[in-house]
């Protein structure tokens, strides 16, 4: 008759609580573009995906999330003649630069907030999972003590 061995209880949580870890909690890949379209408008596009480690060999990928929209071209072609090494912009060029840069930043922030909400859900799930495993381990200890 073969004996069946009970599995040993885990000494470490199956999933890693990234909030308390000294390791980097996530890696993110950002992509932002501003493109002048045939109709003269500027298309602003920003994409973000994030890899959140939750266990030794498992990760959760959030995204990619993409936001793409069009705006009237503020004159971005006037930036083509800028000597970027001198960083010497006219007032008009600086205004165009600030406008397009602001569009990219705002688009990126919208995407980052969306990703952050999803990351919080993943981290909450990890925390709840670890609590359940700890409770199960404690219950198993109490059960084995009561049998003695």
C-alpha atoms as a PDB file:
ATOM      1  CA  UNK A   1       0.000   0.000   0.000  1.00  0.00           C
ATOM      2  CA  UNK A   2       1.474   3.315  -1.065  1.00  0.00           C
ATOM      3  CA  UNK A   3       1.564   6.186   1.393  1.00  0.00           C
ATOM      4  CA  UNK A   4       0.369   9.555   0.315  1.00  0.00           C
ATOM      5  CA  UNK A   5       2.470  12.457   1.448  1.00  0.00           C
ATOM      6  CA  UNK A   6       0.825  15.683   2.368  1.00  0.00           C
ATOM      7  CA  UNK A   7       2.412  18.670   0.673  1.00  0.00           C
ATOM      8  CA  UNK A   8       4.470  20.853   2.938  1.00  0.00           C
ATOM      9  CA  UNK A   9       2.957  24.239   3.652  1.00  0.00           C
ATOM     10  CA  UNK A  10       4.570  27.156   1.871  1.00  0.00           C
ATOM     11  CA  UNK A  11       7.131  29.121   3.796  1.00  0.00           C
ATOM     12  CA  UNK A  12       6.893  31.997   1.307  1.00  0.00           C
ATOM     13  CA  UNK A  13       3.830  33.459  -0.273  1.00  0.00           C
ATOM     14  CA  UNK A  14       3.072  32.161  -3.754  1.00  0.00           C
ATOM     15  CA  UNK A  15       2.771  35.669  -5.071  1.00  0.00           C
ATOM     16  CA  UNK A  16       4.964  38.583  -4.203  1.00  0.00           C
ATOM     17  CA  UNK A  17       3.590  41.663  -2.478  1.00  0.00           C
ATOM     18  CA  UNK A  18       5.200  44.263  -4.717  1.00  0.00           C
ATOM     19  CA  UNK A  19       4.296  47.138  -2.395  1.00  0.00           C
ATOM     20  CA  UNK A  20       6.759  45.917   0.257  1.00  0.00           C
ATOM     21  CA  UNK A  21       9.412  44.599  -2.099  1.00  0.00           C
ATOM     22  CA  UNK A  22      12.757  46.324  -2.561  1.00  0.00           C
ATOM     23  CA  UNK A  23      12.745  45.211  -6.213  1.00  0.00           C
ATOM     24  CA  UNK A  24      11.327  47.400  -8.898  1.00  0.00           C
ATOM     25  CA  UNK A  25       7.597  46.864  -8.758  1.00  0.00           C
ATOM     26  CA  UNK A  26       7.019  47.243 -12.456  1.00  0.00           C
ATOM     27  CA  UNK A  27       8.453  47.931 -15.839  1.00  0.00           C
ATOM     28  CA  UNK A  28       6.704  50.218 -18.241  1.00  0.00           C
ATOM     29  CA  UNK A  29       7.004  50.817 -21.930  1.00  0.00           C
ATOM     30  CA  UNK A  30       5.974  54.269 -23.145  1.00  0.00           C
ATOM     31  CA  UNK A  31       5.501  55.416 -26.721  1.00  0.00           C
ATOM     32  CA  UNK A  32       4.373  58.889 -27.698  1.00  0.00           C
ATOM     33  CA  UNK A  33       4.168  60.457 -31.147  1.00  0.00           C
ATOM     34  CA  UNK A  34       3.001  63.626 -32.813  1.00  0.00           C
ATOM     35  CA  UNK A  35       2.397  63.217 -36.557  1.00  0.00           C
ATOM     36  CA  UNK A  36       1.288  65.803 -39.102  1.00  0.00           C
ATOM     37  CA  UNK A  37      -1.477  64.210 -41.205  1.00  0.00           C
ATOM     38  CA  UNK A  38      -2.375  64.831 -44.851  1.00  0.00           C
ATOM     39  CA  UNK A  39      -5.300  67.013 -43.786  1.00  0.00           C
ATOM     40  CA  UNK A  40      -2.878  69.303 -41.898  1.00  0.00           C
ATOM     41  CA  UNK A  41      -3.963  68.197 -38.434  1.00  0.00           C
ATOM     42  CA  UNK A  42      -1.549  66.824 -35.853  1.00  0.00           C
ATOM     43  CA  UNK A  43      -2.249  63.334 -34.560  1.00  0.00           C
ATOM     44  CA  UNK A  44      -1.152  62.777 -30.982  1.00  0.00           C
ATOM     45  CA  UNK A  45      -0.747  59.131 -29.980  1.00  0.00           C
ATOM     46  CA  UNK A  46       0.506  57.673 -26.733  1.00  0.00           C
ATOM     47  CA  UNK A  47       0.757  54.025 -25.735  1.00  0.00           C
ATOM     48  CA  UNK A  48       1.708  52.481 -22.426  1.00  0.00           C
ATOM     49  CA  UNK A  49       1.985  48.929 -21.196  1.00  0.00           C
ATOM     50  CA  UNK A  50       3.302  47.793 -17.852  1.00  0.00           C
ATOM     51  CA  UNK A  51       4.671  44.503 -16.552  1.00  0.00           C
ATOM     52  CA  UNK A  52       3.911  43.948 -12.861  1.00  0.00           C
ATOM     53  CA  UNK A  53       5.788  41.044 -11.214  1.00  0.00           C
ATOM     54  CA  UNK A  54       3.487  39.090  -8.915  1.00  0.00           C
ATOM     55  CA  UNK A  55       5.421  35.850  -8.374  1.00  0.00           C
ATOM     56  CA  UNK A  56       8.801  34.345  -9.120  1.00  0.00           C
ATOM     57  CA  UNK A  57       7.853  33.166 -12.596  1.00  0.00           C
ATOM     58  CA  UNK A  58       4.582  34.979 -13.187  1.00  0.00           C
ATOM     59  CA  UNK A  59       3.846  38.526 -14.172  1.00  0.00           C
ATOM     60  CA  UNK A  60       0.771  40.471 -15.081  1.00  0.00           C
ATOM     61  CA  UNK A  61       0.872  42.635 -18.176  1.00  0.00           C
ATOM     62  CA  UNK A  62      -1.358  45.666 -18.009  1.00  0.00           C
ATOM     63  CA  UNK A  63      -2.156  47.176 -21.365  1.00  0.00           C
ATOM     64  CA  UNK A  64      -1.158  48.151 -23.870  1.00  0.00           C
ATOM     65  CA  UNK A  65      -3.469  51.124 -23.552  1.00  0.00           C
ATOM     66  CA  UNK A  66      -3.471  53.520 -26.507  1.00  0.00           C
ATOM     67  CA  UNK A  67      -4.973  56.974 -26.835  1.00  0.00           C
ATOM     68  CA  UNK A  68      -4.905  58.643 -30.226  1.00  0.00           C
ATOM     69  CA  UNK A  69      -6.502  61.944 -31.179  1.00  0.00           C
ATOM     70  CA  UNK A  70      -6.200  64.858 -33.616  1.00  0.00           C
ATOM     71  CA  UNK A  71      -5.796  68.594 -33.128  1.00  0.00           C
ATOM     72  CA  UNK A  72      -5.347  71.527 -35.448  1.00  0.00           C
ATOM     73  CA  UNK A  73      -1.670  71.913 -36.347  1.00  0.00           C
ATOM     74  CA  UNK A  74      -0.223  74.847 -34.378  1.00  0.00           C
ATOM     75  CA  UNK A  75       2.571  75.203 -36.970  1.00  0.00           C
ATOM     76  CA  UNK A  76       4.850  72.334 -36.011  1.00  0.00           C
ATOM     77  CA  UNK A  77       6.645  72.666 -39.383  1.00  0.00           C
ATOM     78  CA  UNK A  78       8.228  75.871 -38.015  1.00  0.00           C
ATOM     79  CA  UNK A  79      10.238  73.703 -35.622  1.00  0.00           C
ATOM     80  CA  UNK A  80      12.008  72.007 -38.550  1.00  0.00           C
ATOM     81  CA  UNK A  81      14.493  74.873 -38.861  1.00  0.00           C
ATOM     82  CA  UNK A  82      15.441  74.936 -35.170  1.00  0.00           C
ATOM     83  CA  UNK A  83      19.085  74.362 -34.216  1.00  0.00           C
ATOM     84  CA  UNK A  84      18.366  71.957 -31.361  1.00  0.00           C
ATOM     85  CA  UNK A  85      21.987  71.936 -30.166  1.00  0.00           C
ATOM     86  CA  UNK A  86      21.778  75.682 -29.503  1.00  0.00           C
ATOM     87  CA  UNK A  87      18.301  75.304 -27.993  1.00  0.00           C
ATOM     88  CA  UNK A  88      17.522  78.780 -29.286  1.00  0.00           C
ATOM     89  CA  UNK A  89      13.806  79.093 -30.073  1.00  0.00           C
ATOM     90  CA  UNK A  90      11.927  82.181 -31.118  1.00  0.00           C
ATOM     91  CA  UNK A  91       8.891  83.120 -29.052  1.00  0.00           C
ATOM     92  CA  UNK A  92       6.588  81.661 -31.729  1.00  0.00           C
ATOM     93  CA  UNK A  93       8.597  78.417 -31.934  1.00  0.00           C
ATOM     94  CA  UNK A  94       8.621  78.105 -28.148  1.00  0.00           C
ATOM     95  CA  UNK A  95       4.836  78.479 -28.068  1.00  0.00           C
ATOM     96  CA  UNK A  96       4.426  75.752 -30.721  1.00  0.00           C
ATOM     97  CA  UNK A  97       6.896  73.504 -28.883  1.00  0.00           C
ATOM     98  CA  UNK A  98       5.124  74.024 -25.544  1.00  0.00           C
ATOM     99  CA  UNK A  99       1.704  73.358 -27.111  1.00  0.00           C
ATOM    100  CA  UNK A 100       2.677  70.052 -28.741  1.00  0.00           C
ATOM    101  CA  UNK A 101       4.739  68.976 -25.729  1.00  0.00           C
ATOM    102  CA  UNK A 102       1.743  69.744 -23.489  1.00  0.00           C
ATOM    103  CA  UNK A 103      -0.529  67.645 -25.704  1.00  0.00           C
ATOM    104  CA  UNK A 104       1.879  64.717 -25.434  1.00  0.00           C
ATOM    105  CA  UNK A 105       2.205  65.083 -21.660  1.00  0.00           C
ATOM    106  CA  UNK A 106      -1.547  65.363 -21.124  1.00  0.00           C
ATOM    107  CA  UNK A 107      -2.176  62.299 -23.294  1.00  0.00           C
ATOM    108  CA  UNK A 108       0.514  60.374 -21.414  1.00  0.00           C
ATOM    109  CA  UNK A 109      -0.965  61.337 -18.032  1.00  0.00           C
ATOM    110  CA  UNK A 110      -4.417  60.102 -19.061  1.00  0.00           C
ATOM    111  CA  UNK A 111      -2.932  56.741 -20.050  1.00  0.00           C
ATOM    112  CA  UNK A 112      -0.781  56.519 -16.900  1.00  0.00           C
ATOM    113  CA  UNK A 113      -3.830  57.091 -14.691  1.00  0.00           C
ATOM    114  CA  UNK A 114      -5.683  54.306 -16.477  1.00  0.00           C
ATOM    115  CA  UNK A 115      -2.737  51.920 -16.025  1.00  0.00           C
ATOM    116  CA  UNK A 116      -2.372  52.929 -12.355  1.00  0.00           C
ATOM    117  CA  UNK A 117      -5.976  51.937 -11.637  1.00  0.00           C
ATOM    118  CA  UNK A 118      -5.383  48.506 -13.167  1.00  0.00           C
ATOM    119  CA  UNK A 119      -2.093  48.115 -11.249  1.00  0.00           C
ATOM    120  CA  UNK A 120      -3.895  48.876  -7.972  1.00  0.00           C
ATOM    121  CA  UNK A 121      -6.397  46.120  -8.751  1.00  0.00           C
ATOM    122  CA  UNK A 122      -3.550  43.647  -9.366  1.00  0.00           C
ATOM    123  CA  UNK A 123      -1.743  44.673  -6.167  1.00  0.00           C
ATOM    124  CA  UNK A 124      -4.966  44.365  -4.137  1.00  0.00           C
ATOM    125  CA  UNK A 125      -5.513  40.898  -5.585  1.00  0.00           C
ATOM    126  CA  UNK A 126      -1.955  39.903  -4.618  1.00  0.00           C
ATOM    127  CA  UNK A 127      -2.469  41.224  -1.077  1.00  0.00           C
ATOM    128  CA  UNK A 128      -5.770  39.346  -0.659  1.00  0.00           C
ATOM    129  CA  UNK A 129      -4.247  36.140  -2.037  1.00  0.00           C
ATOM    130  CA  UNK A 130      -1.344  36.350   0.416  1.00  0.00           C
ATOM    131  CA  UNK A 131      -3.733  36.992   3.313  1.00  0.00           C
ATOM    132  CA  UNK A 132      -5.805  33.939   2.348  1.00  0.00           C
ATOM    133  CA  UNK A 133      -2.708  31.744   2.190  1.00  0.00           C
ATOM    134  CA  UNK A 134      -1.541  33.019   5.591  1.00  0.00           C
ATOM    135  CA  UNK A 135      -4.987  32.353   7.087  1.00  0.00           C
ATOM    136  CA  UNK A 136      -5.039  28.844   5.612  1.00  0.00           C
ATOM    137  CA  UNK A 137      -1.577  28.134   7.007  1.00  0.00           C
ATOM    138  CA  UNK A 138      -2.634  29.395  10.446  1.00  0.00           C
ATOM    139  CA  UNK A 139      -5.798  27.281  10.347  1.00  0.00           C
ATOM    140  CA  UNK A 140      -3.737  24.229   9.395  1.00  0.00           C
ATOM    141  CA  UNK A 141      -1.376  24.862  12.339  1.00  0.00           C
ATOM    142  CA  UNK A 142      -4.293  25.170  14.757  1.00  0.00           C
ATOM    143  CA  UNK A 143      -5.835  21.985  13.381  1.00  0.00           C
ATOM    144  CA  UNK A 144      -2.582  20.040  13.776  1.00  0.00           C
ATOM    145  CA  UNK A 145      -2.153  21.344  17.353  1.00  0.00           C
ATOM    146  CA  UNK A 146      -5.686  20.295  18.284  1.00  0.00           C
ATOM    147  CA  UNK A 147      -4.990  16.718  17.108  1.00  0.00           C
ATOM    148  CA  UNK A 148      -2.159  16.344  19.605  1.00  0.00           C
END
